Protein backbone atom coordinates (compact mmCIF):
# COMPACT_ATOMS: atom_id res chain seq x y z
CA MET A 1 123.32 132.41 145.03
CA PRO A 2 126.58 133.73 143.46
CA ARG A 3 129.30 134.86 145.87
CA HIS A 4 130.83 138.33 146.25
CA ILE A 5 127.67 140.38 145.75
CA ASN A 6 126.73 143.64 147.41
CA TYR A 7 123.80 144.34 149.71
CA LYS A 8 121.50 145.55 146.94
CA GLU A 9 122.20 142.43 144.91
CA LYS A 10 121.60 140.28 147.99
CA ARG A 11 118.14 141.78 148.31
CA THR A 12 117.50 141.17 144.62
CA PHE A 13 118.54 137.54 144.91
CA ALA A 14 116.52 137.05 148.10
CA ARG A 15 113.44 138.26 146.24
CA LYS A 16 114.28 136.13 143.22
CA ALA A 17 114.86 133.10 145.44
CA GLU A 18 111.32 133.41 146.75
CA GLU A 19 109.95 133.86 143.23
CA PHE A 20 111.83 130.80 141.99
CA LYS A 21 110.60 128.77 144.94
CA LYS A 22 107.00 129.60 144.06
CA PHE A 23 107.72 128.94 140.39
CA GLN A 24 109.04 125.45 141.14
CA GLU A 25 105.99 124.70 143.26
CA ARG A 26 103.75 125.86 140.43
CA ILE A 27 105.34 123.66 137.78
CA GLY A 28 105.77 120.66 140.07
CA HIS A 29 109.55 120.33 139.62
CA THR A 30 112.13 121.16 142.29
CA PHE A 31 115.64 121.64 140.94
CA LYS A 32 118.46 119.69 142.58
CA ASN A 33 120.94 122.23 141.23
CA GLU A 34 119.31 125.66 141.52
CA LYS A 35 122.26 127.25 139.77
CA LEU A 36 120.94 125.75 136.54
CA LEU A 37 117.52 127.26 137.17
CA TYR A 38 118.99 130.73 137.79
CA GLN A 39 121.21 130.42 134.73
CA ALA A 40 118.22 129.56 132.53
CA PHE A 41 116.69 132.93 133.40
CA THR A 42 119.90 135.00 133.22
CA HIS A 43 120.13 137.14 130.09
CA SER A 44 123.51 138.02 128.58
CA SER A 45 122.86 141.72 129.26
CA TYR A 46 122.84 141.01 133.00
CA VAL A 47 126.14 139.15 132.79
CA ASN A 48 127.69 141.97 130.76
CA GLU A 49 126.85 144.45 133.52
CA HIS A 50 128.35 142.19 136.21
CA ARG A 51 131.58 141.11 134.53
CA LYS A 52 133.49 140.72 137.80
CA LYS A 53 130.85 138.36 139.20
CA PRO A 54 130.60 134.61 138.50
CA TYR A 55 127.35 134.78 136.53
CA GLU A 56 126.62 132.65 133.45
CA ASP A 57 124.05 133.60 130.83
CA ASN A 58 121.48 131.22 129.39
CA GLU A 59 122.73 130.98 125.81
CA ARG A 60 124.35 127.53 126.10
CA LEU A 61 121.27 126.19 127.89
CA GLU A 62 119.14 127.65 125.11
CA PHE A 63 121.21 125.74 122.55
CA LEU A 64 120.66 122.49 124.44
CA GLY A 65 117.00 123.16 125.18
CA ASP A 66 116.25 123.77 121.51
CA ALA A 67 117.43 120.24 120.66
CA VAL A 68 115.71 118.62 123.66
CA LEU A 69 112.43 120.37 122.86
CA GLU A 70 112.54 119.27 119.24
CA LEU A 71 113.25 115.67 120.26
CA THR A 72 110.51 115.43 122.89
CA VAL A 73 107.88 117.11 120.71
CA SER A 74 108.85 114.86 117.78
CA GLN A 75 108.50 111.77 119.94
CA PHE A 76 105.08 112.86 121.21
CA LEU A 77 103.76 113.63 117.72
CA TYR A 78 105.12 110.36 116.30
CA LYS A 79 103.19 108.35 118.91
CA LYS A 80 100.08 110.55 119.05
CA TYR A 81 99.38 110.82 115.33
CA PRO A 82 100.18 107.50 113.59
CA MET A 83 98.20 108.56 110.52
CA MET A 84 100.26 111.70 109.84
CA SER A 85 102.82 111.75 107.05
CA GLU A 86 106.39 112.89 107.63
CA GLY A 87 105.57 116.21 106.00
CA GLU A 88 102.53 116.80 108.21
CA LEU A 89 104.48 115.90 111.36
CA THR A 90 107.26 118.29 110.38
CA LYS A 91 104.78 121.10 109.74
CA LEU A 92 103.04 120.55 113.08
CA ARG A 93 106.30 120.34 115.03
CA ALA A 94 107.47 123.57 113.43
CA ALA A 95 104.26 125.29 114.57
CA ILE A 96 104.69 124.04 118.15
CA VAL A 97 108.34 125.03 118.56
CA CYS A 98 108.21 128.32 116.62
CA GLU A 99 108.85 131.60 118.42
CA PRO A 100 105.21 132.73 118.83
CA SER A 101 104.27 129.39 120.39
CA LEU A 102 107.22 129.40 122.79
CA VAL A 103 106.38 132.98 123.78
CA SER A 104 102.81 131.90 124.53
CA PHE A 105 104.02 129.01 126.70
CA ALA A 106 106.46 131.31 128.50
CA ASN A 107 103.81 133.96 129.14
CA ASN A 108 101.36 131.39 130.49
CA LEU A 109 103.93 130.59 133.19
CA SER A 110 105.02 134.22 133.74
CA PHE A 111 108.61 133.52 132.66
CA GLY A 112 109.18 137.21 131.94
CA THR A 113 108.89 138.19 135.60
CA LEU A 114 111.74 135.84 136.54
CA VAL A 115 114.35 136.95 134.00
CA LEU A 116 117.52 138.66 135.23
CA LEU A 117 118.17 141.55 132.83
CA GLY A 118 120.72 144.29 132.46
CA LYS A 119 119.49 147.83 133.10
CA GLY A 120 119.67 148.82 129.45
CA GLU A 121 117.70 145.79 128.30
CA GLU A 122 115.16 146.38 131.04
CA MET A 123 114.66 150.02 130.03
CA THR A 124 114.03 149.10 126.39
CA GLY A 125 111.29 146.58 127.25
CA GLY A 126 113.41 143.46 126.98
CA ARG A 127 111.35 141.61 129.56
CA ALA A 128 108.45 141.41 127.12
CA ARG A 129 110.51 140.94 123.95
CA PRO A 130 109.29 137.81 122.10
CA ALA A 131 112.74 136.55 121.06
CA LEU A 132 114.00 136.86 124.64
CA LEU A 133 111.03 134.96 126.08
CA ALA A 134 111.34 132.18 123.49
CA ASP A 135 115.05 131.85 124.28
CA VAL A 136 114.33 131.68 128.02
CA PHE A 137 111.76 128.93 127.48
CA GLU A 138 114.30 126.86 125.54
CA ALA A 139 116.98 127.56 128.16
CA PHE A 140 114.63 126.37 130.90
CA ILE A 141 113.99 123.13 128.99
CA GLY A 142 117.77 122.66 128.72
CA ALA A 143 118.23 123.30 132.44
CA LEU A 144 115.43 120.90 133.39
CA TYR A 145 116.95 118.23 131.15
CA LEU A 146 120.40 118.58 132.73
CA ASP A 147 118.97 118.61 136.25
CA GLN A 148 116.39 115.84 136.03
CA GLY A 149 116.60 114.11 132.66
CA LEU A 150 114.34 113.60 129.67
CA ASP A 151 111.43 112.13 131.64
CA ALA A 152 111.08 115.36 133.64
CA VAL A 153 110.99 117.38 130.43
CA VAL A 154 108.28 115.10 129.06
CA GLN A 155 106.27 115.49 132.28
CA PHE A 156 106.59 119.28 132.08
CA LEU A 157 105.47 119.35 128.46
CA GLU A 158 102.56 117.00 129.18
CA LYS A 159 101.37 119.46 131.81
CA PHE A 160 101.92 122.79 130.07
CA VAL A 161 102.35 122.26 126.31
CA ILE A 162 100.57 119.08 125.18
CA PRO A 163 97.16 120.27 126.44
CA LYS A 164 97.44 123.19 124.02
CA ILE A 165 97.79 120.70 121.16
CA ASP A 166 94.81 118.68 122.38
CA GLU A 167 92.74 121.86 122.75
CA GLY A 168 93.26 122.60 119.06
CA ALA A 169 95.73 125.48 119.31
CA PHE A 170 97.55 124.10 116.25
CA SER A 171 94.56 122.73 114.33
CA HIS A 172 95.30 125.23 111.54
CA VAL A 173 98.26 123.06 110.49
CA MET A 174 96.65 119.68 111.17
CA ASP A 175 94.60 117.95 108.46
CA PHE A 176 92.28 115.79 110.58
CA LYS A 177 89.91 115.14 107.67
CA SER A 178 92.65 113.35 105.73
CA GLN A 179 93.71 111.41 108.83
CA LEU A 180 90.12 110.35 109.50
CA GLN A 181 89.61 109.28 105.88
CA GLU A 182 92.79 107.22 105.96
CA PHE A 183 91.83 105.63 109.30
CA VAL A 184 88.36 104.66 108.04
CA GLN A 185 89.73 103.19 104.81
CA ARG A 186 92.33 101.18 106.71
CA ASP A 187 90.53 100.03 109.86
CA THR A 188 86.76 100.33 109.76
CA LYS A 189 85.57 100.79 106.17
CA GLY A 190 82.39 102.71 105.50
CA ILE A 191 81.26 106.10 104.25
CA LEU A 192 82.05 109.43 105.91
CA GLU A 193 79.62 112.32 105.58
CA TYR A 194 80.03 115.92 106.77
CA LYS A 195 77.05 118.18 107.45
CA ILE A 196 76.85 121.83 108.45
CA LEU A 197 74.23 121.87 111.19
CA GLN A 198 74.24 125.53 112.05
CA GLU A 199 75.45 128.96 110.99
CA LYS A 200 75.21 131.72 113.57
CA GLY A 201 76.48 135.19 114.31
CA PRO A 202 76.85 138.31 112.13
CA ALA A 203 78.53 138.13 108.73
CA HIS A 204 81.84 139.51 110.05
CA ASN A 205 81.93 137.01 112.93
CA ARG A 206 80.26 133.88 111.57
CA GLU A 207 80.39 130.57 113.44
CA PHE A 208 79.68 127.21 111.82
CA VAL A 209 78.81 123.90 113.50
CA SER A 210 79.56 120.68 111.65
CA THR A 211 79.05 116.97 112.27
CA VAL A 212 80.77 113.99 110.70
CA SER A 213 79.08 110.61 110.55
CA LEU A 214 80.28 107.14 109.64
CA ASN A 215 77.67 104.94 107.99
CA GLY A 216 74.96 107.26 109.32
CA GLU A 217 76.20 107.41 112.93
CA ILE A 218 77.55 110.75 114.19
CA PHE A 219 81.04 110.44 115.66
CA GLY A 220 82.16 114.04 115.81
CA THR A 221 80.86 117.58 116.20
CA GLY A 222 82.94 120.71 115.77
CA SER A 223 82.64 124.47 115.40
CA GLY A 224 84.74 127.12 113.72
CA ARG A 225 84.87 130.48 111.95
CA SER A 226 84.62 128.72 108.59
CA LYS A 227 82.99 125.54 107.30
CA LYS A 228 86.43 124.05 106.76
CA GLU A 229 87.53 124.75 110.33
CA ALA A 230 84.29 123.33 111.76
CA GLU A 231 84.71 120.15 109.70
CA GLN A 232 88.34 119.80 110.83
CA HIS A 233 87.29 120.00 114.50
CA ALA A 234 84.51 117.48 113.91
CA ALA A 235 86.99 115.15 112.21
CA GLN A 236 89.42 115.54 115.12
CA GLU A 237 86.74 114.45 117.61
CA ALA A 238 85.62 111.55 115.41
CA LEU A 239 89.18 110.34 114.90
CA SER A 240 89.81 110.34 118.65
CA LYS A 241 86.62 108.36 119.34
CA LEU A 242 87.26 105.80 116.61
CA GLN A 243 90.85 105.27 117.73
CA GLN A 244 89.64 104.63 121.29
CA LEU A 245 87.02 102.16 120.07
CA ASN A 246 89.65 100.40 117.98
CA ASN A 247 92.10 99.94 120.88
């Protein structure tokens, strides 16, 4: 806790200390240097309103976290998707580290409730502002990296970000059909066939179910709002199964 603060600020920091304690328990990482954790959640507007106090905002940590996040996500994608081209990897990484995605990750962990804001920023809804939340997420990654190293960042992402990729949150930028075709041509040979098994729901909210088979054997089933999306999800499942069988 910073020195030379008044009683009201002491109460604020006591409350924040408890919130940060619970936050660290929730994410499974306890900071050795809690100053870094506080700094990651300190907005410049708060520092500007407390100029005589030794507070630091999160902008430098955001700068670092941006680079660390890009590196760790790049490394994961490189290993996870050996069939993807450089262009496809770049497109997927951009979708994962873009502002809307970072805001989603931050909201899932209630980052907004932890941010220290100036009164003006608070009154204008800064706590829910997308750019602010994305910046805080990057700053937190930077703080975690400085405090515990790259492995801790990877562990954090594996717990809170990677599952979103595996669940298909970014399937709209991933061409699993092309990856599956390339895998089959390279490693197993044979003929792939997609079939739409089912169409259900009203016209404005249609859902399609697709299968993909290799030499007559079904390896993947997927659903989606369009035939293309259903086939992509089926291809994703088939690719995962075939890669496991090939290992």
